[in-house]
């Protein structure tokens, strides 16, 4: 049988783990959006440069 204090500690540990997982997912999503944005800006730059060369 676990004590009340041990139960509270386990709840805090689980909450912290869930928070870390959520933050990791958010960082992953932001990094993906950043990569898409960089790729889009690069493609636009190349289109502009090719238009100037003609």
Protein backbone atom coordinates (compact mmCIF):
# COMPACT_ATOMS: atom_id res chain seq x y z
CA UNK A 1 0.00 0.00 0.00
CA UNK A 2 1.40 3.38 -0.96
CA UNK A 3 1.13 6.43 1.22
CA UNK A 4 -0.65 9.61 0.30
CA UNK A 5 2.68 11.39 -0.13
CA UNK A 6 3.97 8.71 -2.49
CA UNK A 7 0.79 8.98 -4.53
CA UNK A 8 1.23 12.75 -4.80
CA UNK A 9 4.84 12.33 -5.89
CA UNK A 10 3.83 9.79 -8.54
CA UNK A 11 1.13 12.18 -9.79
CA UNK A 12 3.70 14.98 -10.06
CA UNK A 13 6.12 12.72 -11.92
CA UNK A 14 3.41 11.68 -14.37
CA UNK A 15 2.33 15.30 -14.89
CA UNK A 16 5.94 16.35 -15.54
CA UNK A 17 6.42 13.50 -18.02
CA UNK A 18 3.23 14.47 -19.86
CA UNK A 19 4.35 18.11 -19.93
CA UNK A 20 7.77 17.13 -21.34
CA UNK A 21 6.14 14.96 -24.01
CA UNK A 22 3.78 17.79 -24.98
CA UNK A 23 6.67 20.27 -25.18
CA UNK A 24 8.72 17.86 -27.26
CA UNK A 25 5.82 17.46 -29.70
CA UNK A 26 5.40 21.23 -29.92
CA UNK A 27 9.11 21.68 -30.64
CA UNK A 28 8.90 19.00 -33.33
CA UNK A 29 5.91 20.72 -34.96
CA UNK A 30 7.59 24.14 -34.84
CA UNK A 31 10.78 22.75 -36.35
CA UNK A 32 8.79 21.16 -39.16
CA UNK A 33 6.94 24.41 -39.85
CA UNK A 34 10.24 26.30 -39.78
CA UNK A 35 11.75 23.90 -42.33
CA UNK A 36 8.73 24.30 -44.60
CA UNK A 37 8.97 28.08 -44.31
CA UNK A 38 12.68 28.12 -45.10
CA UNK A 39 12.13 25.85 -48.09
CA UNK A 40 9.30 28.05 -49.36
CA UNK A 41 11.37 31.21 -48.99
CA UNK A 42 14.29 29.58 -50.76
CA UNK A 43 12.06 28.43 -53.63
CA UNK A 44 10.60 31.92 -53.95
CA UNK A 45 14.08 33.42 -54.02
CA UNK A 46 15.13 31.02 -56.76
CA UNK A 47 12.03 31.90 -58.79
CA UNK A 48 12.83 35.60 -58.46
CA UNK A 49 16.46 35.04 -59.45
CA UNK A 50 15.48 32.95 -62.47
CA UNK A 51 13.03 35.64 -63.52
CA UNK A 52 15.80 38.27 -63.36
CA UNK A 53 18.16 36.14 -65.46
CA UNK A 54 15.79 35.93 -68.41
